[in-house]
């Protein structure tokens, strides 16, 4: 007899030096536990397990079902993990972005799989376990793709307050670290799902466009639980756009202040969603970092990407955070049609003058299901290249290759951007002081050395 009904597992990943909690997996685990199933989670990156140790852990669980998850850039790892664990279980299921984006084709691509969970996985995963428990009486449940059987989409959950909380007790919380954490004890959470904006490159495969938000009270209740029950001192809110509804952000911040919640937190926001007054309130409630999708310092590029934002709004939002004492992170894209390697350096000048604290430069990736992917295929701009930044995990990356750009151009430009932003003596000294004050000097120093090593390894193309 198996010790657990289902084990949700994440295999070893040599490219992950600072893994985050597998939040989506933990949401599914919470839903399965609420439905009465015995659940285990084996997170090899989080637990620091080798391949042999990982397999031994999974083997000892004797799970009747094993569940995997992953994004399309991880498809090779998903296939390897599926082949590794297939002999250890009776059923194997995959959920997440890759399964949702490609559906039945994934069952042909990875023959070890018995089923896919499509979309937001909580309800379909429970229904699948119940269906298998009934010896597959009737058709597969909504949201479940089985080889050779008809597929019916599941309804998108609208009341996020009604979802079971992530089963965080199933993973070793004390082991997780994050570059932007400012206190011991780190985890992640979400307060909303979906994004209503129309950016050409955005992959909304799982959560879609309709924005659904948890109530402020439910969000702050979970924050309090994280602080009290799990010893969390630093938190990352991974919403696509935490500040979409200003009144909800105000309610959350005011409730945190009333309850005297001593949490530091980071969130993701659009540059048109953070004003000076809101930034000050967020800082009072413990916000230490805001990440913005700046994308470019060139307005024509923002218009091409359909960001519906301006360079001026980015400058204002970054300034508002700086005045409030909040650090800023900017995500910037390289290889946008209409830009050249030379004009892209305008974004570097913008980043320096705007006072951004951290920046991630990435090549523009056309993911299937996005308008950018359709354009790339139509115009022959799609490529897979080895051009990655110092924090990318994949060895090869889907890359937009518009006229005026080559693989060497992208590699040279990325290095110029990273070197021009990070390898400044004054900047490095300021960040060393901040990292020391936050108790994060060691991990940030390691990342700095990785960036420097990556930069120097490609000096010949710079």
Protein backbone atom coordinates (compact mmCIF):
# COMPACT_ATOMS: atom_id res chain seq x y z
CA UNK A 1 0.00 0.00 0.00
CA UNK A 2 1.35 3.43 -0.93
CA UNK A 3 2.27 5.88 1.82
CA UNK A 4 0.71 8.78 -0.13
CA UNK A 5 -1.94 9.06 -2.79
CA UNK A 6 0.02 11.58 -4.84
CA UNK A 7 3.54 13.03 -4.77
CA UNK A 8 4.08 16.35 -6.51
CA UNK A 9 7.74 16.54 -7.45
CA UNK A 10 10.30 18.94 -8.87
CA UNK A 11 13.51 17.25 -10.02
CA UNK A 12 17.10 18.48 -9.60
CA UNK A 13 18.07 21.50 -11.70
CA UNK A 14 21.75 22.35 -12.01
CA UNK A 15 20.90 25.85 -13.26
CA UNK A 16 18.97 26.91 -10.16
CA UNK A 17 21.24 28.37 -7.49
CA UNK A 18 18.50 30.11 -5.49
CA UNK A 19 15.21 28.21 -6.01
CA UNK A 20 11.88 29.69 -5.02
CA UNK A 21 9.08 27.72 -3.35
CA UNK A 22 7.00 25.83 -5.99
CA UNK A 23 3.91 27.96 -5.30
CA UNK A 24 1.65 26.59 -8.04
CA UNK A 25 2.42 23.04 -6.93
CA UNK A 26 1.68 23.97 -3.32
CA UNK A 27 -1.70 25.42 -4.29
CA UNK A 28 -2.59 22.12 -5.97
CA UNK A 29 -1.31 20.22 -2.93
CA UNK A 30 -3.54 22.35 -0.67
CA UNK A 31 -6.58 21.57 -2.82
CA UNK A 32 -5.81 17.84 -2.80
CA UNK A 33 -5.36 17.79 0.98
CA UNK A 34 -8.65 19.63 1.47
CA UNK A 35 -10.31 16.92 -0.66
CA UNK A 36 -8.93 14.23 1.65
CA UNK A 37 -5.97 12.92 -0.34
CA UNK A 38 -2.61 12.08 1.22
CA UNK A 39 -0.09 14.38 -0.46
CA UNK A 40 3.70 14.73 -0.44
CA UNK A 41 5.91 17.30 -2.18
CA UNK A 42 9.51 16.57 -3.12
CA UNK A 43 11.30 19.74 -4.18
CA UNK A 44 14.82 18.71 -5.15
CA UNK A 45 16.16 22.25 -5.81
CA UNK A 46 14.70 23.55 -2.56
CA UNK A 47 16.00 20.60 -0.54
CA UNK A 48 19.38 20.47 -2.29
CA UNK A 49 18.83 16.87 -3.43
CA UNK A 50 21.07 15.14 -5.94
CA UNK A 51 19.43 13.01 -8.61
CA UNK A 52 20.11 9.84 -6.61
CA UNK A 53 18.72 11.35 -3.38
CA UNK A 54 15.69 12.70 -5.22
CA UNK A 55 14.86 9.31 -6.71
CA UNK A 56 15.35 7.61 -3.36
CA UNK A 57 12.92 10.06 -1.71
CA UNK A 58 10.31 9.51 -4.39
CA UNK A 59 10.78 5.72 -4.32
CA UNK A 60 10.27 5.60 -0.55
CA UNK A 61 6.96 7.46 -0.85
CA UNK A 62 5.48 4.73 -3.04
CA UNK A 63 2.97 7.23 -4.46
CA UNK A 64 0.10 5.88 -6.52
CA UNK A 65 0.29 9.05 -8.64
CA UNK A 66 3.18 11.42 -9.34
CA UNK A 67 2.58 14.96 -10.57
CA UNK A 68 5.05 17.16 -12.45
CA UNK A 69 4.83 20.77 -13.56
CA UNK A 70 6.87 23.07 -15.78
CA UNK A 71 7.14 25.82 -18.36
CA UNK A 72 7.99 25.33 -22.02
CA UNK A 73 11.67 26.39 -21.68
CA UNK A 74 11.96 23.50 -19.21
CA UNK A 75 10.45 20.90 -21.56
CA UNK A 76 13.67 18.89 -21.82
CA UNK A 77 13.92 18.72 -18.03
CA UNK A 78 10.24 17.75 -17.80
CA UNK A 79 10.88 14.88 -20.20
CA UNK A 80 13.95 13.76 -18.21
CA UNK A 81 12.04 13.89 -14.92
CA UNK A 82 9.13 11.96 -16.44
CA UNK A 83 11.45 9.20 -17.63
CA UNK A 84 13.17 9.06 -14.21
CA UNK A 85 10.04 8.75 -12.07
CA UNK A 86 7.82 6.69 -14.40
CA UNK A 87 9.00 3.34 -12.97
CA UNK A 88 8.21 4.55 -9.44
CA UNK A 89 4.45 5.08 -9.79
CA UNK A 90 1.27 3.77 -11.32
CA UNK A 91 0.16 7.08 -12.87
CA UNK A 92 2.05 10.15 -14.07
CA UNK A 93 0.47 13.56 -14.70
CA UNK A 94 1.83 16.91 -15.87
CA UNK A 95 0.37 20.35 -15.19
CA UNK A 96 1.54 23.92 -15.69
CA UNK A 97 2.30 26.17 -18.62
CA UNK A 98 3.75 23.64 -21.08
CA UNK A 99 0.88 21.18 -20.64
CA UNK A 100 -1.69 23.97 -20.91
CA UNK A 101 -0.14 25.59 -23.97
CA UNK A 102 0.29 22.46 -26.10
CA UNK A 103 -2.35 20.09 -24.73
CA UNK A 104 -2.60 16.64 -26.31
CA UNK A 105 0.64 17.13 -28.29
CA UNK A 106 2.55 16.90 -24.98
CA UNK A 107 1.23 13.36 -24.47
CA UNK A 108 2.88 12.39 -27.77
CA UNK A 109 6.02 14.34 -26.91
CA UNK A 110 6.36 12.65 -23.49
CA UNK A 111 4.92 9.12 -23.79
CA UNK A 112 5.48 8.36 -20.08
CA UNK A 113 2.58 10.67 -19.17
CA UNK A 114 -0.91 9.36 -18.48
CA UNK A 115 -2.72 12.70 -18.29
CA UNK A 116 -2.38 16.49 -18.33
CA UNK A 117 -3.97 19.04 -16.02
CA UNK A 118 -4.85 22.05 -18.17
CA UNK A 119 -5.13 25.61 -16.83
CA UNK A 120 -5.35 26.55 -13.15
CA UNK A 121 -4.83 23.17 -11.61
CA UNK A 122 -6.58 23.04 -8.24
CA UNK A 123 -10.04 21.75 -9.25
CA UNK A 124 -8.93 19.59 -12.23
CA UNK A 125 -6.24 17.85 -10.13
CA UNK A 126 -8.79 16.89 -7.48
CA UNK A 127 -11.28 15.76 -10.14
CA UNK A 128 -8.60 13.66 -11.87
CA UNK A 129 -7.69 11.87 -8.65
CA UNK A 130 -11.35 11.15 -7.98
CA UNK A 131 -11.85 9.91 -11.56
CA UNK A 132 -8.90 7.56 -11.33
CA UNK A 133 -10.24 6.39 -7.95
CA UNK A 134 -13.55 5.51 -9.60
CA UNK A 135 -11.78 3.34 -12.20
CA UNK A 136 -12.33 6.03 -14.82
CA UNK A 137 -16.11 5.89 -14.73
CA UNK A 138 -17.46 8.26 -17.39
CA UNK A 139 -15.47 10.74 -19.49
CA UNK A 140 -12.38 12.51 -18.13
CA UNK A 141 -13.27 15.48 -15.90
CA UNK A 142 -13.12 19.08 -17.11
CA UNK A 143 -9.60 20.44 -17.31
CA UNK A 144 -8.03 16.98 -17.79
CA UNK A 145 -6.49 15.78 -21.05
CA UNK A 146 -6.16 12.01 -21.44
CA UNK A 147 -4.65 10.34 -24.49
CA UNK A 148 -7.33 9.52 -27.06
CA UNK A 149 -10.21 10.99 -25.02
CA UNK A 150 -12.22 14.19 -25.57
CA UNK A 151 -11.16 17.30 -23.66
CA UNK A 152 -13.49 19.77 -21.92
CA UNK A 153 -11.99 23.00 -20.46
CA UNK A 154 -12.51 23.65 -16.76
CA UNK A 155 -14.16 26.81 -15.50
CA UNK A 156 -11.71 29.45 -14.30
CA UNK A 157 -11.97 29.95 -10.52
CA UNK A 158 -13.44 33.38 -9.84
CA UNK A 159 -13.54 33.42 -6.04
CA UNK A 160 -9.87 33.16 -5.13
CA UNK A 161 -10.69 33.56 -1.43
CA UNK A 162 -12.38 30.16 -1.61
CA UNK A 163 -9.22 28.34 -2.72
CA UNK A 164 -7.30 26.24 -0.23
CA UNK A 165 -4.12 27.93 0.96
CA UNK A 166 -0.84 26.59 -0.44
CA UNK A 167 0.34 23.52 1.52
CA UNK A 168 3.55 25.19 2.64
CA UNK A 169 4.03 22.69 5.48
CA UNK A 170 5.05 20.14 2.83
CA UNK A 171 8.29 21.90 1.86
CA UNK A 172 11.38 22.95 3.86
CA UNK A 173 10.62 26.64 4.19
CA UNK A 174 13.77 27.54 6.06
CA UNK A 175 15.90 26.57 3.03
CA UNK A 176 14.43 29.04 0.52
CA UNK A 177 16.33 32.22 -0.27
CA UNK A 178 15.71 35.15 -2.61
CA UNK A 179 18.01 37.82 -3.96
CA UNK A 180 15.71 40.62 -2.80
CA UNK A 181 14.76 39.30 0.60
CA UNK A 182 15.64 41.73 3.36
CA UNK A 183 15.07 39.52 6.42
CA UNK A 184 15.43 35.87 7.39
CA UNK A 185 12.49 33.62 6.56
CA UNK A 186 11.34 33.91 2.93
CA UNK A 187 8.37 32.74 0.87
CA UNK A 188 6.14 33.76 -2.02
CA UNK A 189 2.41 34.37 -2.39
CA UNK A 190 -0.14 35.69 -4.87
CA UNK A 191 -3.04 38.05 -4.25
CA UNK A 192 -4.52 38.03 -7.75
CA UNK A 193 -4.47 36.11 -11.02
CA UNK A 194 -4.67 37.24 -14.63
CA UNK A 195 -3.76 40.48 -16.39
CA UNK A 196 -6.10 42.58 -18.58
CA UNK A 197 -3.37 44.38 -20.54
CA UNK A 198 -2.43 43.59 -24.14
CA UNK A 199 1.38 43.38 -24.32
CA UNK A 200 2.35 41.48 -27.48
CA UNK A 201 4.93 39.26 -25.73
CA UNK A 202 3.01 38.34 -22.57
CA UNK A 203 2.25 34.66 -22.02
CA UNK A 204 -1.15 34.29 -20.34
CA UNK A 205 -1.42 30.57 -21.00
CA UNK A 206 -2.57 29.51 -17.52
CA UNK A 207 -4.26 32.48 -15.80
CA UNK A 208 -5.54 34.35 -18.86
CA UNK A 209 -6.63 37.97 -19.25
CA UNK A 210 -9.53 38.34 -16.78
CA UNK A 211 -8.14 39.84 -13.58
CA UNK A 212 -9.39 38.15 -10.41
CA UNK A 213 -8.31 39.38 -7.01
CA UNK A 214 -8.46 38.10 -3.48
CA UNK A 215 -10.05 40.38 -0.91
CA UNK A 216 -7.73 42.56 1.14
CA UNK A 217 -8.77 40.77 4.33
CA UNK A 218 -7.96 37.33 2.93
CA UNK A 219 -4.56 38.53 1.68
CA UNK A 220 -3.59 40.03 5.04
CA UNK A 221 -4.88 36.95 6.90
CA UNK A 222 -2.46 34.83 4.88
CA UNK A 223 0.37 37.28 5.51
CA UNK A 224 -0.28 37.04 9.23
CA UNK A 225 -0.30 33.25 9.04
CA UNK A 226 3.04 33.31 7.19
CA UNK A 227 4.57 35.49 9.88
CA UNK A 228 3.18 33.57 12.87
CA UNK A 229 3.18 29.96 11.65
CA UNK A 230 6.15 29.90 9.28
CA UNK A 231 8.43 32.61 10.66
CA UNK A 232 8.39 34.53 7.40
CA UNK A 233 10.09 37.91 7.57
CA UNK A 234 10.42 38.63 3.85
CA UNK A 235 7.79 38.00 1.20
CA UNK A 236 7.51 38.25 -2.58
CA UNK A 237 4.03 38.87 -4.01
CA UNK A 238 4.15 37.35 -7.48
CA UNK A 239 1.02 38.91 -9.00
CA UNK A 240 1.41 40.04 -12.60
CA UNK A 241 0.24 43.46 -11.44
CA UNK A 242 -0.23 43.92 -7.71
CA UNK A 243 -1.18 47.60 -8.00
CA UNK A 244 -3.88 47.21 -10.67
CA UNK A 245 -6.67 48.33 -8.32
CA UNK A 246 -5.40 51.15 -6.14
CA UNK A 247 -8.21 50.90 -3.56
CA UNK A 248 -7.36 47.23 -2.86
CA UNK A 249 -3.67 48.04 -2.39
CA UNK A 250 -4.64 50.80 0.05
CA UNK A 251 -6.88 48.40 1.96
CA UNK A 252 -4.12 45.78 2.17
CA UNK A 253 -1.49 48.27 3.32
CA UNK A 254 -3.76 49.90 5.89
CA UNK A 255 -4.75 46.50 7.28
CA UNK A 256 -1.08 45.51 7.59
CA UNK A 257 -0.35 48.73 9.46
CA UNK A 258 -3.37 48.28 11.77
CA UNK A 259 -2.34 44.72 12.61
CA UNK A 260 1.27 45.83 13.10
CA UNK A 261 2.47 43.12 10.69
CA UNK A 262 6.25 43.24 10.66
CA UNK A 263 6.83 41.92 7.15
CA UNK A 264 9.10 43.15 4.39
CA UNK A 265 7.74 42.55 0.88
CA UNK A 266 8.34 42.92 -2.84
CA UNK A 267 5.72 43.17 -5.57
CA UNK A 268 5.41 43.51 -9.35
CA UNK A 269 3.66 46.57 -10.81
CA UNK A 270 3.12 48.62 -13.94
CA UNK A 271 4.71 52.03 -14.07
CA UNK A 272 1.30 53.68 -14.41
CA UNK A 273 0.11 52.13 -11.13
CA UNK A 274 2.44 53.64 -8.54
CA UNK A 275 2.06 57.27 -7.44
CA UNK A 276 4.08 59.13 -4.77
CA UNK A 277 1.27 58.82 -2.20
CA UNK A 278 0.74 55.13 -2.87
CA UNK A 279 4.49 54.43 -2.72
CA UNK A 280 4.71 56.13 0.69
CA UNK A 281 1.81 54.03 2.02
CA UNK A 282 3.34 50.83 0.62
CA UNK A 283 6.65 51.69 2.28
CA UNK A 284 4.91 52.24 5.62
CA UNK A 285 3.35 48.78 5.26
CA UNK A 286 6.76 47.16 4.72
CA UNK A 287 7.25 47.27 0.93
CA UNK A 288 10.99 47.24 0.22
CA UNK A 289 11.14 46.50 -3.52
CA UNK A 290 8.92 47.04 -6.56
CA UNK A 291 9.69 45.43 -9.93
CA UNK A 292 8.49 47.20 -13.08
CA UNK A 293 8.19 45.97 -16.66
CA UNK A 294 10.04 48.97 -18.08
CA UNK A 295 10.94 47.02 -21.27
CA UNK A 296 12.65 49.96 -23.05
CA UNK A 297 13.67 53.58 -22.71
CA UNK A 298 12.46 54.20 -26.30
CA UNK A 299 8.81 55.17 -26.68
CA UNK A 300 8.51 53.69 -30.18
CA UNK A 301 9.52 50.31 -28.72
CA UNK A 302 6.90 50.56 -25.97
CA UNK A 303 4.28 51.32 -28.60
CA UNK A 304 5.37 48.33 -30.71
CA UNK A 305 5.04 46.07 -27.65
CA UNK A 306 1.59 47.57 -26.89
CA UNK A 307 2.65 48.37 -23.33
CA UNK A 308 0.19 51.29 -23.10
CA UNK A 309 2.69 53.19 -20.97
CA UNK A 310 5.23 55.96 -21.48
CA UNK A 311 8.89 56.53 -20.68
CA UNK A 312 7.77 59.50 -18.59
CA UNK A 313 5.49 57.29 -16.49
CA UNK A 314 8.43 54.95 -15.84
CA UNK A 315 10.59 57.85 -14.69
CA UNK A 316 7.82 59.09 -12.38
CA UNK A 317 7.13 55.68 -10.83
CA UNK A 318 10.82 54.98 -10.21
CA UNK A 319 11.24 58.43 -8.65
CA UNK A 320 8.16 57.91 -6.43
CA UNK A 321 9.59 54.65 -5.11
CA UNK A 322 13.02 56.17 -4.57
CA UNK A 323 11.57 59.05 -2.55
CA UNK A 324 9.58 56.56 -0.43
CA UNK A 325 12.68 54.46 0.26
CA UNK A 326 11.62 51.54 -1.96
CA UNK A 327 14.21 49.84 -4.20
CA UNK A 328 13.25 49.33 -7.85
CA UNK A 329 13.89 46.50 -10.29
CA UNK A 330 13.42 47.03 -14.03
CA UNK A 331 12.84 44.30 -16.60
CA UNK A 332 14.20 45.38 -20.00
CA UNK A 333 13.97 43.63 -23.38
CA UNK A 334 16.72 43.48 -26.00
CA UNK A 335 16.16 42.95 -29.73
CA UNK A 336 12.89 44.87 -30.13
CA UNK A 337 12.01 45.47 -33.82
CA UNK A 338 12.90 49.01 -34.78
CA UNK A 339 15.76 49.21 -32.31
CA UNK A 340 19.40 48.63 -33.19
CA UNK A 341 22.30 47.61 -30.95
CA UNK A 342 23.21 51.31 -30.82
CA UNK A 343 19.73 52.67 -30.05
CA UNK A 344 19.22 50.03 -27.34
CA UNK A 345 21.97 51.77 -25.37
CA UNK A 346 19.51 54.66 -24.92
CA UNK A 347 17.76 52.38 -22.44
CA UNK A 348 21.02 52.02 -20.49
CA UNK A 349 21.30 55.80 -20.29
CA UNK A 350 17.67 56.00 -19.20
CA UNK A 351 18.21 53.35 -16.49
CA UNK A 352 21.21 55.18 -15.07
CA UNK A 353 19.53 58.59 -15.05
CA UNK A 354 16.22 57.30 -13.67
CA UNK A 355 17.91 55.85 -10.59
CA UNK A 356 16.87 52.20 -11.04
CA UNK A 357 18.46 49.99 -8.39
CA UNK A 358 18.51 46.65 -10.24
CA UNK A 359 17.86 45.70 -13.83
CA UNK A 360 17.39 42.46 -15.76
CA UNK A 361 18.14 42.64 -19.48
CA UNK A 362 16.71 39.74 -21.49
CA UNK A 363 16.33 38.92 -25.16
CA UNK A 364 12.78 39.27 -26.45
CA UNK A 365 11.22 35.79 -26.51
CA UNK A 366 8.25 34.96 -28.76
CA UNK A 367 6.29 32.34 -26.81
CA UNK A 368 3.60 30.26 -28.55
CA UNK A 369 0.16 31.69 -27.89
CA UNK A 370 1.32 35.32 -27.95
CA UNK A 371 0.83 37.91 -30.69
CA UNK A 372 4.60 38.27 -30.88
CA UNK A 373 4.99 34.58 -31.69
CA UNK A 374 2.47 34.84 -34.52
CA UNK A 375 4.34 37.84 -35.93
CA UNK A 376 7.70 36.07 -35.58
CA UNK A 377 6.47 33.01 -37.48
CA UNK A 378 4.80 35.12 -40.15
CA UNK A 379 7.95 37.19 -40.82
CA UNK A 380 10.58 34.52 -40.25
CA UNK A 381 11.92 36.23 -37.11
CA UNK A 382 11.76 33.18 -34.83
CA UNK A 383 15.06 31.61 -33.74
CA UNK A 384 16.45 29.52 -30.91
CA UNK A 385 19.77 30.85 -29.68
CA UNK A 386 22.32 30.37 -26.93
CA UNK A 387 22.05 34.08 -26.06
CA UNK A 388 21.07 34.19 -22.39
CA UNK A 389 21.65 36.54 -19.51
CA UNK A 390 23.50 35.57 -16.28
CA UNK A 391 20.30 34.48 -14.52
CA UNK A 392 18.58 32.56 -17.36
CA UNK A 393 18.30 28.86 -16.58
CA UNK A 394 17.86 27.41 -20.06
CA UNK A 395 20.79 26.63 -22.36
CA UNK A 396 18.91 27.74 -25.47
CA UNK A 397 16.18 30.33 -25.61
CA UNK A 398 13.37 31.20 -28.03
CA UNK A 399 14.52 34.51 -29.46
CA UNK A 400 13.05 37.18 -31.73
CA UNK A 401 15.53 37.95 -34.53
CA UNK A 402 14.19 40.96 -36.44
CA UNK A 403 16.05 42.74 -39.25
CA UNK A 404 19.18 44.53 -38.04
CA UNK A 405 19.97 41.96 -35.35
CA UNK A 406 22.12 38.84 -35.32
CA UNK A 407 22.94 36.36 -32.56
CA UNK A 408 26.32 38.05 -32.11
CA UNK A 409 24.63 41.47 -31.93
CA UNK A 410 22.35 40.25 -29.14
CA UNK A 411 25.24 38.70 -27.19
CA UNK A 412 27.39 41.84 -27.54
CA UNK A 413 24.55 44.16 -26.60
CA UNK A 414 23.54 42.16 -23.52
CA UNK A 415 27.11 42.32 -22.24
CA UNK A 416 27.39 46.05 -22.88
CA UNK A 417 24.14 46.62 -21.02
CA UNK A 418 25.01 44.47 -18.00
CA UNK A 419 28.55 45.76 -17.79
CA UNK A 420 27.49 49.37 -18.31
CA UNK A 421 24.91 49.17 -15.54
CA UNK A 422 26.38 46.89 -12.88
CA UNK A 423 30.15 47.25 -13.18
CA UNK A 424 30.29 50.85 -11.92
CA UNK A 425 32.43 51.40 -8.81
CA UNK A 426 30.00 53.84 -7.19
CA UNK A 427 27.03 51.57 -7.84
CA UNK A 428 28.84 48.50 -6.49
CA UNK A 429 29.85 50.30 -3.31
CA UNK A 430 26.30 51.54 -2.66
CA UNK A 431 24.80 48.08 -3.22
CA UNK A 432 27.41 46.41 -0.99
CA UNK A 433 26.39 48.68 1.89
CA UNK A 434 22.68 47.99 1.31
CA UNK A 435 23.24 44.22 1.02
CA UNK A 436 25.23 44.20 4.27
CA UNK A 437 22.45 46.11 6.06
CA UNK A 438 19.87 43.61 4.78
CA UNK A 439 21.98 40.59 5.76
CA UNK A 440 22.15 39.58 2.07
CA UNK A 441 25.78 40.41 1.33
CA UNK A 442 26.81 36.79 0.60
CA UNK A 443 24.08 35.88 -1.95
CA UNK A 444 24.24 39.27 -3.67
CA UNK A 445 28.03 39.05 -3.81
CA UNK A 446 27.72 35.57 -5.38
CA UNK A 447 25.34 36.94 -8.00
CA UNK A 448 27.69 39.86 -8.62
CA UNK A 449 30.57 37.47 -9.19
CA UNK A 450 28.42 35.40 -11.56
CA UNK A 451 27.55 38.53 -13.56
CA UNK A 452 31.22 39.60 -13.64
CA UNK A 453 32.38 36.11 -14.68
CA UNK A 454 29.70 35.94 -17.38
CA UNK A 455 30.64 39.42 -18.60
CA UNK A 456 34.36 38.69 -18.72
CA UNK A 457 33.85 35.34 -20.45
CA UNK A 458 32.41 37.18 -23.45
CA UNK A 459 34.75 40.16 -23.58
CA UNK A 460 35.98 39.03 -26.97
CA UNK A 461 32.56 39.87 -28.48
CA UNK A 462 32.05 43.10 -26.53
